[in-house]
N, C-alpha and C. Protein backbone atom coordinates (compact mmCIF):
# COMPACT_ATOMS: atom_id res chain seq x y z
N MET A 1 167.86 74.44 27.20
CA MET A 1 167.03 74.48 28.38
C MET A 1 166.68 75.95 28.66
N THR A 2 165.43 76.17 28.96
CA THR A 2 165.00 77.53 29.26
C THR A 2 164.93 77.73 30.77
N ARG A 3 165.15 78.92 31.14
CA ARG A 3 165.10 79.26 32.57
C ARG A 3 163.71 79.81 32.88
N PRO A 4 163.03 79.30 33.91
CA PRO A 4 161.71 79.82 34.23
C PRO A 4 161.79 81.27 34.73
N HIS A 5 160.80 82.05 34.37
CA HIS A 5 160.76 83.45 34.81
C HIS A 5 160.05 83.54 36.14
N LYS A 6 160.59 84.38 37.00
CA LYS A 6 159.91 84.65 38.26
C LYS A 6 158.73 85.57 37.99
N LEU A 7 157.67 85.36 38.71
CA LEU A 7 156.55 86.27 38.60
C LEU A 7 156.93 87.59 39.24
N GLN A 8 156.55 88.67 38.60
CA GLN A 8 156.90 89.98 39.11
C GLN A 8 155.75 90.95 38.89
N GLU A 9 155.52 91.79 39.90
CA GLU A 9 154.57 92.88 39.75
C GLU A 9 155.37 94.16 39.72
N ARG A 10 154.86 95.12 38.97
CA ARG A 10 155.52 96.41 38.84
C ARG A 10 154.49 97.50 39.09
N PHE A 11 154.83 98.43 39.96
CA PHE A 11 153.93 99.54 40.28
C PHE A 11 154.65 100.86 40.03
N GLU A 12 153.96 101.80 39.43
CA GLU A 12 154.46 103.16 39.38
C GLU A 12 153.80 103.90 40.54
N ILE A 13 154.59 104.66 41.26
CA ILE A 13 154.09 105.40 42.41
C ILE A 13 154.19 106.88 42.07
N ALA A 14 153.04 107.53 42.01
CA ALA A 14 152.98 108.92 41.59
C ALA A 14 152.76 109.85 42.77
N ASN A 15 153.17 111.09 42.59
CA ASN A 15 152.92 112.11 43.61
C ASN A 15 151.51 112.69 43.40
N GLU A 16 151.15 113.67 44.19
CA GLU A 16 149.80 114.23 44.11
C GLU A 16 149.51 114.88 42.76
N ALA A 17 150.56 115.31 42.05
CA ALA A 17 150.38 115.92 40.73
C ALA A 17 150.27 114.88 39.62
N GLY A 18 150.39 113.59 40.00
CA GLY A 18 150.29 112.52 39.01
C GLY A 18 151.59 112.17 38.32
N GLU A 19 152.71 112.77 38.75
CA GLU A 19 154.01 112.48 38.17
C GLU A 19 154.63 111.27 38.86
N THR A 20 155.22 110.37 38.08
CA THR A 20 155.84 109.18 38.65
C THR A 20 157.06 109.58 39.48
N GLU A 21 157.05 109.14 40.74
CA GLU A 21 158.17 109.40 41.65
C GLU A 21 159.05 108.16 41.82
N PHE A 22 158.39 107.00 41.92
CA PHE A 22 159.09 105.74 42.17
C PHE A 22 158.50 104.64 41.31
N GLU A 23 159.27 103.58 41.20
CA GLU A 23 158.78 102.33 40.61
C GLU A 23 159.10 101.22 41.60
N ALA A 24 158.11 100.42 41.91
CA ALA A 24 158.31 99.28 42.80
C ALA A 24 158.27 98.02 41.95
N ARG A 25 159.26 97.17 42.13
CA ARG A 25 159.30 95.86 41.46
C ARG A 25 159.24 94.82 42.56
N ILE A 26 158.17 94.06 42.52
CA ILE A 26 157.93 93.08 43.57
C ILE A 26 158.00 91.70 42.94
N HIS A 27 159.03 90.97 43.29
CA HIS A 27 159.23 89.62 42.78
C HIS A 27 158.50 88.66 43.71
N ILE A 28 157.51 87.97 43.20
CA ILE A 28 156.77 87.02 44.01
C ILE A 28 157.76 85.96 44.50
N SER A 29 157.74 85.68 45.77
CA SER A 29 158.68 84.77 46.44
C SER A 29 160.12 85.29 46.35
N GLY A 30 160.27 86.59 46.31
CA GLY A 30 161.61 87.18 46.25
C GLY A 30 161.61 88.58 46.81
N PRO A 31 162.63 89.37 46.44
CA PRO A 31 162.77 90.70 47.02
C PRO A 31 161.82 91.74 46.42
N ILE A 32 161.72 92.85 47.12
CA ILE A 32 161.00 94.02 46.65
C ILE A 32 162.06 95.10 46.43
N ALA A 33 162.04 95.72 45.24
CA ALA A 33 163.00 96.78 44.94
C ALA A 33 162.23 98.07 44.65
N LEU A 34 162.75 99.18 45.15
CA LEU A 34 162.16 100.48 44.89
C LEU A 34 163.19 101.31 44.14
N LEU A 35 162.79 101.82 42.97
CA LEU A 35 163.68 102.60 42.11
C LEU A 35 163.18 104.03 41.96
N ASP A 36 164.10 104.95 41.69
CA ASP A 36 163.68 106.32 41.42
C ASP A 36 163.37 106.46 39.93
N ARG A 37 163.08 107.69 39.49
CA ARG A 37 162.70 107.94 38.09
C ARG A 37 163.77 107.53 37.10
N THR A 38 165.04 107.55 37.51
CA THR A 38 166.14 107.22 36.61
C THR A 38 166.45 105.73 36.59
N GLY A 39 165.78 104.95 37.44
CA GLY A 39 166.05 103.52 37.51
C GLY A 39 167.06 103.14 38.58
N ARG A 40 167.53 104.11 39.36
CA ARG A 40 168.48 103.83 40.44
C ARG A 40 167.74 103.21 41.62
N GLU A 41 168.29 102.12 42.15
CA GLU A 41 167.65 101.45 43.28
C GLU A 41 167.86 102.27 44.55
N LEU A 42 166.74 102.58 45.21
CA LEU A 42 166.76 103.34 46.46
C LEU A 42 166.68 102.44 47.68
N ALA A 43 165.86 101.40 47.58
CA ALA A 43 165.64 100.51 48.73
C ALA A 43 165.28 99.13 48.23
N ARG A 44 165.50 98.13 49.10
CA ARG A 44 165.23 96.73 48.74
C ARG A 44 164.97 95.93 50.01
N SER A 45 164.09 94.95 49.87
CA SER A 45 163.88 94.01 50.98
C SER A 45 164.78 92.80 50.76
N HIS A 46 165.06 92.10 51.84
CA HIS A 46 165.79 90.84 51.74
C HIS A 46 165.36 89.95 52.89
N GLY A 47 165.28 88.68 52.64
CA GLY A 47 164.84 87.73 53.65
C GLY A 47 165.88 87.56 54.73
N SER A 48 165.39 87.30 55.91
CA SER A 48 166.23 86.98 57.06
C SER A 48 165.66 85.72 57.66
N PRO A 49 166.47 84.96 58.38
CA PRO A 49 165.91 83.76 59.00
C PRO A 49 164.74 84.12 59.91
N GLY A 50 163.66 83.41 59.76
CA GLY A 50 162.49 83.63 60.61
C GLY A 50 162.74 83.09 62.01
N PHE A 51 161.85 83.39 62.89
CA PHE A 51 161.96 82.83 64.23
C PHE A 51 160.59 82.31 64.63
N GLY A 52 160.58 81.18 65.26
CA GLY A 52 159.31 80.58 65.67
C GLY A 52 158.41 80.39 64.46
N SER A 53 157.14 80.77 64.60
CA SER A 53 156.22 80.63 63.48
C SER A 53 156.13 81.92 62.68
N GLY A 54 156.96 82.90 63.02
CA GLY A 54 156.89 84.19 62.34
C GLY A 54 157.90 84.30 61.21
N PHE A 55 158.20 85.52 60.82
CA PHE A 55 159.15 85.78 59.77
C PHE A 55 159.95 87.02 60.13
N ALA A 56 161.03 87.23 59.43
CA ALA A 56 161.79 88.47 59.57
C ALA A 56 162.30 88.84 58.19
N TYR A 57 162.19 90.11 57.84
CA TYR A 57 162.71 90.62 56.58
C TYR A 57 163.58 91.82 56.88
N GLY A 58 164.67 91.91 56.16
CA GLY A 58 165.52 93.08 56.27
C GLY A 58 165.15 94.09 55.21
N ILE A 59 165.48 95.35 55.46
CA ILE A 59 165.29 96.41 54.48
C ILE A 59 166.60 97.17 54.36
N ARG A 60 167.03 97.35 53.11
CA ARG A 60 168.22 98.14 52.81
C ARG A 60 167.79 99.43 52.14
N VAL A 61 168.38 100.52 52.53
CA VAL A 61 168.17 101.81 51.88
C VAL A 61 169.54 102.31 51.45
N GLU A 62 169.66 102.67 50.17
CA GLU A 62 170.94 103.13 49.61
C GLU A 62 172.05 102.10 49.89
N GLY A 63 171.70 100.81 49.85
CA GLY A 63 172.68 99.74 50.03
C GLY A 63 173.05 99.41 51.46
N LYS A 64 172.48 100.11 52.43
CA LYS A 64 172.79 99.87 53.85
C LYS A 64 171.62 99.21 54.55
N ASP A 65 171.90 98.18 55.35
CA ASP A 65 170.85 97.55 56.15
C ASP A 65 170.36 98.56 57.18
N VAL A 66 169.06 98.87 57.15
CA VAL A 66 168.53 99.87 58.07
C VAL A 66 167.39 99.36 58.94
N ALA A 67 166.82 98.19 58.59
CA ALA A 67 165.64 97.77 59.36
C ALA A 67 165.41 96.27 59.24
N THR A 68 164.71 95.74 60.25
CA THR A 68 164.21 94.38 60.22
C THR A 68 162.74 94.42 60.59
N VAL A 69 161.93 93.73 59.79
CA VAL A 69 160.49 93.63 60.01
C VAL A 69 160.22 92.27 60.63
N PHE A 70 159.59 92.27 61.81
CA PHE A 70 159.29 91.02 62.53
C PHE A 70 157.79 90.82 62.62
N HIS A 71 157.36 89.60 62.44
CA HIS A 71 155.98 89.26 62.76
C HIS A 71 155.98 88.80 64.20
N VAL A 72 155.13 89.42 64.99
CA VAL A 72 155.02 89.06 66.40
C VAL A 72 153.67 88.36 66.56
N PRO A 73 153.67 87.03 66.76
CA PRO A 73 152.40 86.31 66.85
C PRO A 73 151.44 86.94 67.86
N HIS A 74 150.20 87.05 67.46
CA HIS A 74 149.09 87.53 68.28
C HIS A 74 149.08 89.04 68.52
N THR A 75 150.13 89.75 68.10
CA THR A 75 150.12 91.19 68.34
C THR A 75 150.32 92.01 67.07
N GLY A 76 150.87 91.45 66.01
CA GLY A 76 151.05 92.19 64.78
C GLY A 76 152.49 92.19 64.31
N PHE A 77 152.97 93.37 63.95
CA PHE A 77 154.29 93.49 63.36
C PHE A 77 155.09 94.58 64.06
N ARG A 78 156.39 94.35 64.15
CA ARG A 78 157.30 95.32 64.77
C ARG A 78 158.45 95.52 63.80
N ILE A 79 158.89 96.77 63.67
CA ILE A 79 160.00 97.09 62.79
C ILE A 79 161.07 97.79 63.62
N THR A 80 162.24 97.18 63.68
CA THR A 80 163.38 97.77 64.35
C THR A 80 164.21 98.41 63.26
N SER A 81 164.44 99.74 63.36
CA SER A 81 165.12 100.41 62.25
C SER A 81 166.02 101.53 62.73
N ALA A 82 166.83 102.00 61.79
CA ALA A 82 167.66 103.18 62.04
C ALA A 82 166.80 104.42 62.20
N PHE A 83 165.52 104.32 61.84
CA PHE A 83 164.59 105.44 61.94
C PHE A 83 163.72 105.32 63.19
N GLY A 84 164.05 104.40 64.08
CA GLY A 84 163.31 104.19 65.31
C GLY A 84 162.48 102.92 65.27
N GLU A 85 161.93 102.57 66.42
CA GLU A 85 161.04 101.40 66.53
C GLU A 85 159.68 101.77 65.97
N LEU A 86 159.16 100.94 65.07
CA LEU A 86 157.85 101.18 64.47
C LEU A 86 156.93 100.01 64.74
N GLU A 87 155.65 100.30 64.82
CA GLU A 87 154.64 99.26 64.89
C GLU A 87 153.82 99.34 63.62
N ALA A 88 153.35 98.19 63.16
CA ALA A 88 152.52 98.14 61.96
C ALA A 88 151.22 97.45 62.29
N THR A 89 150.14 98.06 61.84
CA THR A 89 148.82 97.46 62.04
C THR A 89 148.10 97.39 60.71
N CYS A 90 147.22 96.41 60.60
CA CYS A 90 146.42 96.23 59.40
C CYS A 90 144.95 96.21 59.80
N GLN A 91 144.19 97.08 59.19
CA GLN A 91 142.75 97.11 59.41
C GLN A 91 142.11 96.62 58.12
N THR A 92 141.35 95.54 58.22
CA THR A 92 140.67 95.00 57.05
C THR A 92 139.26 95.57 57.00
N THR A 93 138.92 96.13 55.86
CA THR A 93 137.58 96.68 55.66
C THR A 93 136.88 95.86 54.59
N GLY A 94 135.66 96.18 54.30
CA GLY A 94 134.94 95.48 53.25
C GLY A 94 135.51 95.73 51.87
N TYR A 95 136.41 96.72 51.76
CA TYR A 95 136.97 97.08 50.45
C TYR A 95 138.47 96.92 50.39
N GLY A 96 139.07 96.21 51.31
CA GLY A 96 140.52 95.98 51.26
C GLY A 96 141.17 96.22 52.61
N ASP A 97 142.48 96.37 52.57
CA ASP A 97 143.27 96.54 53.78
C ASP A 97 143.81 97.96 53.88
N ARG A 98 144.03 98.38 55.12
CA ARG A 98 144.66 99.67 55.39
C ARG A 98 145.80 99.40 56.36
N TRP A 99 147.04 99.62 55.91
CA TRP A 99 148.22 99.43 56.73
C TRP A 99 148.67 100.76 57.28
N THR A 100 149.04 100.79 58.55
CA THR A 100 149.54 102.01 59.18
C THR A 100 150.82 101.70 59.93
N LEU A 101 151.84 102.52 59.69
CA LEU A 101 153.08 102.46 60.45
C LEU A 101 153.06 103.61 61.44
N THR A 102 153.38 103.30 62.71
CA THR A 102 153.44 104.34 63.74
C THR A 102 154.74 104.24 64.51
N ARG A 103 155.16 105.39 65.05
CA ARG A 103 156.31 105.46 65.94
C ARG A 103 155.84 106.19 67.18
N ASP A 104 155.89 105.52 68.31
CA ASP A 104 155.42 106.11 69.57
C ASP A 104 153.99 106.64 69.45
N GLY A 105 153.15 105.89 68.72
CA GLY A 105 151.74 106.26 68.57
C GLY A 105 151.46 107.32 67.52
N VAL A 106 152.50 107.83 66.86
CA VAL A 106 152.33 108.87 65.84
C VAL A 106 152.47 108.23 64.46
N ARG A 107 151.53 108.55 63.57
CA ARG A 107 151.52 107.96 62.23
C ARG A 107 152.75 108.39 61.44
N VAL A 108 153.40 107.39 60.82
CA VAL A 108 154.55 107.61 59.94
C VAL A 108 154.10 107.47 58.49
N ALA A 109 153.31 106.42 58.21
CA ALA A 109 152.86 106.16 56.83
C ALA A 109 151.60 105.31 56.85
N THR A 110 150.79 105.48 55.80
CA THR A 110 149.56 104.71 55.65
C THR A 110 149.44 104.28 54.19
N GLU A 111 148.98 103.06 53.98
CA GLU A 111 148.74 102.55 52.64
C GLU A 111 147.41 101.82 52.66
N GLU A 112 146.55 102.12 51.67
CA GLU A 112 145.26 101.44 51.64
C GLU A 112 144.82 101.18 50.21
N ASP A 113 144.04 100.11 50.06
CA ASP A 113 143.46 99.77 48.77
C ASP A 113 142.50 100.87 48.34
N GLN A 114 142.45 101.12 47.06
CA GLN A 114 141.46 102.03 46.50
C GLN A 114 140.53 101.19 45.62
N ILE A 115 139.64 100.47 46.26
CA ILE A 115 138.74 99.57 45.55
C ILE A 115 137.41 100.28 45.34
N LEU A 116 136.91 100.23 44.12
CA LEU A 116 135.64 100.87 43.82
C LEU A 116 134.51 100.15 44.52
N LYS A 117 133.67 100.90 45.18
CA LYS A 117 132.56 100.29 45.90
C LYS A 117 131.57 99.61 44.95
N ASP A 118 131.50 100.09 43.69
CA ASP A 118 130.58 99.46 42.76
C ASP A 118 131.20 98.26 42.04
N ASP A 119 132.49 97.99 42.27
CA ASP A 119 133.15 96.84 41.67
C ASP A 119 134.20 96.28 42.63
N PRO A 120 133.78 95.73 43.77
CA PRO A 120 134.73 95.27 44.77
C PRO A 120 135.53 94.04 44.36
N VAL A 121 135.12 93.34 43.31
CA VAL A 121 135.86 92.15 42.89
C VAL A 121 137.12 92.54 42.12
N ARG A 122 136.96 93.41 41.12
CA ARG A 122 138.11 93.79 40.31
C ARG A 122 138.90 94.93 40.92
N GLY A 123 138.25 95.81 41.63
CA GLY A 123 138.93 96.94 42.23
C GLY A 123 139.51 97.89 41.19
N THR A 124 140.42 98.75 41.63
CA THR A 124 141.02 99.73 40.72
C THR A 124 142.47 99.41 40.43
N GLY A 125 143.07 98.52 41.22
CA GLY A 125 144.49 98.27 41.07
C GLY A 125 145.34 99.42 41.59
N LYS A 126 144.73 100.30 42.38
CA LYS A 126 145.45 101.45 42.91
C LYS A 126 145.46 101.41 44.43
N TYR A 127 146.49 102.02 44.99
CA TYR A 127 146.62 102.15 46.43
C TYR A 127 146.83 103.62 46.74
N ARG A 128 146.38 104.04 47.88
CA ARG A 128 146.64 105.40 48.34
C ARG A 128 147.69 105.29 49.44
N ILE A 129 148.77 106.02 49.27
CA ILE A 129 149.87 105.97 50.22
C ILE A 129 150.13 107.38 50.72
N GLU A 130 150.19 107.55 52.03
CA GLU A 130 150.53 108.83 52.63
C GLU A 130 151.72 108.62 53.54
N ILE A 131 152.74 109.44 53.35
CA ILE A 131 153.94 109.38 54.18
C ILE A 131 154.12 110.74 54.84
N THR A 132 154.28 110.74 56.14
CA THR A 132 154.44 111.97 56.89
C THR A 132 155.69 112.71 56.43
N ASP A 133 155.58 114.03 56.28
CA ASP A 133 156.73 114.85 55.90
C ASP A 133 157.90 114.59 56.83
N GLY A 134 159.09 114.51 56.25
CA GLY A 134 160.31 114.29 57.02
C GLY A 134 160.68 112.83 57.19
N GLU A 135 159.79 111.92 56.82
CA GLU A 135 160.08 110.49 56.92
C GLU A 135 160.79 110.02 55.65
N ASN A 136 161.56 108.94 55.75
CA ASN A 136 162.25 108.38 54.59
C ASN A 136 161.23 107.61 53.75
N ALA A 137 160.86 108.18 52.62
CA ALA A 137 159.80 107.60 51.78
C ALA A 137 160.20 106.23 51.23
N ALA A 138 161.45 106.06 50.81
CA ALA A 138 161.88 104.78 50.25
C ALA A 138 161.74 103.67 51.29
N PHE A 139 162.19 103.94 52.51
CA PHE A 139 162.08 102.97 53.59
C PHE A 139 160.61 102.65 53.88
N ALA A 140 159.78 103.68 54.02
CA ALA A 140 158.37 103.47 54.36
C ALA A 140 157.65 102.67 53.28
N LEU A 141 157.92 102.96 52.01
CA LEU A 141 157.26 102.24 50.93
C LEU A 141 157.63 100.76 50.92
N VAL A 142 158.92 100.46 51.05
CA VAL A 142 159.34 99.05 51.06
C VAL A 142 158.77 98.33 52.28
N ALA A 143 158.76 98.98 53.43
CA ALA A 143 158.18 98.36 54.64
C ALA A 143 156.71 98.04 54.42
N LEU A 144 155.95 98.98 53.86
CA LEU A 144 154.52 98.74 53.62
C LEU A 144 154.31 97.60 52.63
N PHE A 145 155.12 97.55 51.57
CA PHE A 145 154.98 96.45 50.60
C PHE A 145 155.35 95.10 51.21
N VAL A 146 156.39 95.06 52.05
CA VAL A 146 156.75 93.81 52.73
C VAL A 146 155.56 93.32 53.56
N LEU A 147 154.94 94.21 54.29
CA LEU A 147 153.80 93.83 55.13
C LEU A 147 152.64 93.32 54.29
N ARG A 148 152.26 94.05 53.25
CA ARG A 148 151.13 93.66 52.41
C ARG A 148 151.39 92.31 51.72
N TYR A 149 152.56 92.16 51.13
CA TYR A 149 152.81 90.92 50.38
C TYR A 149 153.06 89.74 51.28
N ASN A 150 153.60 89.94 52.47
CA ASN A 150 153.73 88.82 53.39
C ASN A 150 152.36 88.38 53.89
N LYS A 151 151.47 89.33 54.17
CA LYS A 151 150.11 88.98 54.63
C LYS A 151 149.40 88.13 53.59
N ASN A 152 149.64 88.46 52.32
CA ASN A 152 149.01 87.71 51.24
C ASN A 152 149.74 86.42 50.88
N GLY A 153 150.80 86.11 51.64
CA GLY A 153 151.54 84.85 51.44
C GLY A 153 152.36 84.81 50.18
N LEU A 154 152.80 85.98 49.69
CA LEU A 154 153.49 86.02 48.41
C LEU A 154 155.00 86.21 48.52
N LEU A 155 155.52 86.41 49.73
CA LEU A 155 156.95 86.57 49.89
C LEU A 155 157.54 85.35 50.59
N ALA A 156 158.70 84.98 50.12
CA ALA A 156 159.45 83.91 50.79
C ALA A 156 160.68 84.54 51.40
N GLY A 157 161.31 83.86 52.29
CA GLY A 157 162.51 84.41 52.94
C GLY A 157 163.72 84.35 52.06
N ARG A 158 163.80 85.23 51.08
CA ARG A 158 164.94 85.27 50.16
C ARG A 158 165.58 86.62 50.17
């Protein structure tokens, strides 16, 4: 008997110089893992029991639970974390989505599609991610991926 393989996406995340800084492994209907250049896991998502019609996901950094991402019906997303209370918003444009994490109205991180205007169907397969200096990059990246993949209906509470 063969065991079915889970669908998985893998992203390399490069710095401004084009050097790979992180690797994200996103298991469809499962967790998101963020690894450093050596393959060491820095952060991971994990499902939590949802409430009402929403969802909740936990985020671990360096093996410690540090945050919970909540969907708040009609208002968006809220993240309760060791790094403070964050709000997440998604702006949909003609070329994709732009996610922004803020703390007390100040931007913490932004992630947006980099879709070519001359080929909006196929796009580039790239995202632009900006994280404010001093913020925990591993936490911010996993939080942004949880938001994007939950919006697209690809994560289950696992």
